[in-house]
Amino acid sequence: MIQCTDCEFFRRRADGSPKLMCDPYSTIKEPECIFKWQLVELQVMSRSHQATLDMYRKFAPLQEKMFRHMEREIDEAEEGERWKYEDFEGDEEDDDSADAARGW
């Protein structure tokens, strides 16, 4: 089995991690190369997912603050418009009692 370090499709990144330049559909020299390539790609996906989670952790306090602010704004807007609905509900009760008094 050929070692990746001996292959012309192998590179090292600046951080020392392996970078396989091979294409799994055309430039694979040995069957083990596919397994190594999959492992490296899985590591890349894992690092990307971890970076995404780290970013979500940074945004969590800001999101909580935004949600509290939005809830306050919605509550204030509903409270400000409550007078419209209270008068309407009161008018219905008055209309019902007036209709009953008239015999309707």
C-alpha atoms as a PDB file:
ATOM      1  CA  MET A   1       0.000   0.000   0.000  1.00  0.00           C
ATOM      2  CA  ILE A   2       1.314   3.416  -0.977  1.00  0.00           C
ATOM      3  CA  GLN A   3       1.535   6.017   1.792  1.00  0.00           C
ATOM      4  CA  CYS A   4      -0.282   9.278   1.254  1.00  0.00           C
ATOM      5  CA  THR A   5       2.908  11.250   1.914  1.00  0.00           C
ATOM      6  CA  ASP A   6       4.478   9.498  -1.107  1.00  0.00           C
ATOM      7  CA  CYS A   7       1.570  10.320  -3.419  1.00  0.00           C
ATOM      8  CA  GLU A   8       1.621  13.318  -5.778  1.00  0.00           C
ATOM      9  CA  PHE A   9      -1.961  14.235  -4.738  1.00  0.00           C
ATOM     10  CA  PHE A  10      -1.050  14.744  -1.065  1.00  0.00           C
ATOM     11  CA  ARG A  11      -0.484  18.202   0.426  1.00  0.00           C
ATOM     12  CA  ARG A  12      -0.125  19.523   3.969  1.00  0.00           C
ATOM     13  CA  ARG A  13      -2.094  22.546   5.051  1.00  0.00           C
ATOM     14  CA  ALA A  14      -0.495  25.388   7.002  1.00  0.00           C
ATOM     15  CA  ASP A  15      -1.827  23.928  10.239  1.00  0.00           C
ATOM     16  CA  GLY A  16      -0.255  20.545   9.464  1.00  0.00           C
ATOM     17  CA  SER A  17      -3.475  18.722   8.631  1.00  0.00           C
ATOM     18  CA  PRO A  18      -3.553  16.549   5.499  1.00  0.00           C
ATOM     19  CA  LYS A  19      -5.149  17.747   2.304  1.00  0.00           C
ATOM     20  CA  LEU A  20      -5.868  15.112  -0.306  1.00  0.00           C
ATOM     21  CA  MET A  21      -6.017  16.578  -3.774  1.00  0.00           C
ATOM     22  CA  CYS A  22      -7.128  13.306  -5.317  1.00  0.00           C
ATOM     23  CA  ASP A  23     -10.496  12.890  -7.009  1.00  0.00           C
ATOM     24  CA  PRO A  24     -12.286   9.780  -5.710  1.00  0.00           C
ATOM     25  CA  TYR A  25     -13.764   9.153  -9.165  1.00  0.00           C
ATOM     26  CA  SER A  26     -10.650   9.332 -11.314  1.00  0.00           C
ATOM     27  CA  THR A  27      -7.280   9.663  -9.549  1.00  0.00           C
ATOM     28  CA  ILE A  28      -7.498   7.006  -6.830  1.00  0.00           C
ATOM     29  CA  LYS A  29      -4.490   4.717  -6.964  1.00  0.00           C
ATOM     30  CA  GLU A  30      -5.518   2.121  -4.347  1.00  0.00           C
ATOM     31  CA  PRO A  31      -8.795   1.073  -2.670  1.00  0.00           C
ATOM     32  CA  GLU A  32      -7.519   2.304   0.704  1.00  0.00           C
ATOM     33  CA  CYS A  33      -7.250   5.797  -0.755  1.00  0.00           C
ATOM     34  CA  ILE A  34     -11.042   6.087  -0.817  1.00  0.00           C
ATOM     35  CA  PHE A  35     -11.278   5.278   2.886  1.00  0.00           C
ATOM     36  CA  LYS A  36      -8.600   7.824   3.716  1.00  0.00           C
ATOM     37  CA  TRP A  37     -10.283  10.416   1.529  1.00  0.00           C
ATOM     38  CA  GLN A  38     -13.628   9.788   3.266  1.00  0.00           C
ATOM     39  CA  LEU A  39     -11.986  10.134   6.672  1.00  0.00           C
ATOM     40  CA  VAL A  40     -10.405  13.458   5.760  1.00  0.00           C
ATOM     41  CA  GLU A  41     -13.700  14.746   4.346  1.00  0.00           C
ATOM     42  CA  LEU A  42     -15.517  13.642   7.491  1.00  0.00           C
ATOM     43  CA  GLN A  43     -13.022  15.596   9.580  1.00  0.00           C
ATOM     44  CA  VAL A  44     -13.614  18.667   7.449  1.00  0.00           C
ATOM     45  CA  MET A  45     -17.374  18.329   7.904  1.00  0.00           C
ATOM     46  CA  SER A  46     -16.915  17.887  11.648  1.00  0.00           C
ATOM     47  CA  ARG A  47     -14.793  21.041  11.910  1.00  0.00           C
ATOM     48  CA  SER A  48     -17.321  23.001   9.857  1.00  0.00           C
ATOM     49  CA  HIS A  49     -20.162  21.826  12.063  1.00  0.00           C
ATOM     50  CA  GLN A  50     -18.209  22.737  15.202  1.00  0.00           C
ATOM     51  CA  ALA A  51     -17.497  26.209  13.807  1.00  0.00           C
ATOM     52  CA  THR A  52     -21.212  26.654  13.104  1.00  0.00           C
ATOM     53  CA  LEU A  53     -22.089  25.625  16.659  1.00  0.00           C
ATOM     54  CA  ASP A  54     -19.510  28.047  18.043  1.00  0.00           C
ATOM     55  CA  MET A  55     -21.064  30.853  16.009  1.00  0.00           C
ATOM     56  CA  TYR A  56     -24.557  29.949  17.288  1.00  0.00           C
ATOM     57  CA  ARG A  57     -23.224  30.071  20.862  1.00  0.00           C
ATOM     58  CA  LYS A  58     -21.905  33.581  20.228  1.00  0.00           C
ATOM     59  CA  PHE A  59     -25.235  34.717  18.790  1.00  0.00           C
ATOM     60  CA  ALA A  60     -27.403  33.134  21.535  1.00  0.00           C
ATOM     61  CA  PRO A  61     -27.262  36.067  23.993  1.00  0.00           C
ATOM     62  CA  LEU A  62     -28.008  38.553  21.223  1.00  0.00           C
ATOM     63  CA  GLN A  63     -30.943  36.461  20.007  1.00  0.00           C
ATOM     64  CA  GLU A  64     -32.377  36.245  23.520  1.00  0.00           C
ATOM     65  CA  LYS A  65     -32.117  40.017  23.872  1.00  0.00           C
ATOM     66  CA  MET A  66     -33.822  40.529  20.501  1.00  0.00           C
ATOM     67  CA  PHE A  67     -36.653  38.120  21.399  1.00  0.00           C
ATOM     68  CA  ARG A  68     -37.290  39.901  24.714  1.00  0.00           C
ATOM     69  CA  HIS A  69     -37.335  43.261  22.923  1.00  0.00           C
ATOM     70  CA  MET A  70     -39.723  41.968  20.249  1.00  0.00           C
ATOM     71  CA  GLU A  71     -42.039  40.476  22.886  1.00  0.00           C
ATOM     72  CA  ARG A  72     -42.125  43.828  24.688  1.00  0.00           C
ATOM     73  CA  GLU A  73     -42.919  45.641  21.444  1.00  0.00           C
ATOM     74  CA  ILE A  74     -45.712  43.189  20.601  1.00  0.00           C
ATOM     75  CA  ASP A  75     -47.178  43.439  24.100  1.00  0.00           C
ATOM     76  CA  GLU A  76     -47.088  47.237  23.947  1.00  0.00           C
ATOM     77  CA  ALA A  77     -48.749  47.225  20.520  1.00  0.00           C
ATOM     78  CA  GLU A  78     -51.480  44.850  21.720  1.00  0.00           C
ATOM     79  CA  GLU A  79     -52.034  46.936  24.839  1.00  0.00           C
ATOM     80  CA  GLY A  80     -52.242  50.085  22.755  1.00  0.00           C
ATOM     81  CA  GLU A  81     -54.932  48.556  20.531  1.00  0.00           C
ATOM     82  CA  ARG A  82     -56.900  46.921  23.337  1.00  0.00           C
ATOM     83  CA  TRP A  83     -59.255  49.909  23.552  1.00  0.00           C
ATOM     84  CA  LYS A  84     -60.571  49.083  20.089  1.00  0.00           C
ATOM     85  CA  TYR A  85     -61.636  45.609  21.084  1.00  0.00           C
ATOM     86  CA  GLU A  86     -62.940  46.530  24.549  1.00  0.00           C
ATOM     87  CA  ASP A  87     -65.359  49.083  23.082  1.00  0.00           C
ATOM     88  CA  PHE A  88     -66.460  46.616  20.432  1.00  0.00           C
ATOM     89  CA  GLU A  89     -67.118  43.873  22.992  1.00  0.00           C
ATOM     90  CA  GLY A  90     -68.958  46.319  25.247  1.00  0.00           C
ATOM     91  CA  ASP A  91     -71.138  47.477  22.329  1.00  0.00           C
ATOM     92  CA  GLU A  92     -72.181  43.914  21.582  1.00  0.00           C
ATOM     93  CA  GLU A  93     -73.326  43.377  25.155  1.00  0.00           C
ATOM     94  CA  ASP A  94     -75.237  46.661  25.083  1.00  0.00           C
ATOM     95  CA  ASP A  95     -76.833  45.722  21.758  1.00  0.00           C
ATOM     96  CA  ASP A  96     -77.900  42.331  23.128  1.00  0.00           C
ATOM     97  CA  SER A  97     -79.498  43.866  26.202  1.00  0.00           C
ATOM     98  CA  ALA A  98     -81.197  46.526  24.061  1.00  0.00           C
ATOM     99  CA  ASP A  99     -82.517  43.842  21.687  1.00  0.00           C
ATOM    100  CA  ALA A 100     -83.836  41.842  24.655  1.00  0.00           C
ATOM    101  CA  ALA A 101     -85.544  44.934  26.044  1.00  0.00           C
ATOM    102  CA  ARG A 102     -87.211  45.529  22.682  1.00  0.00           C
ATOM    103  CA  GLY A 103     -88.331  41.930  22.540  1.00  0.00           C
ATOM    104  CA  TRP A 104     -86.228  40.879  19.568  1.00  0.00           C
END
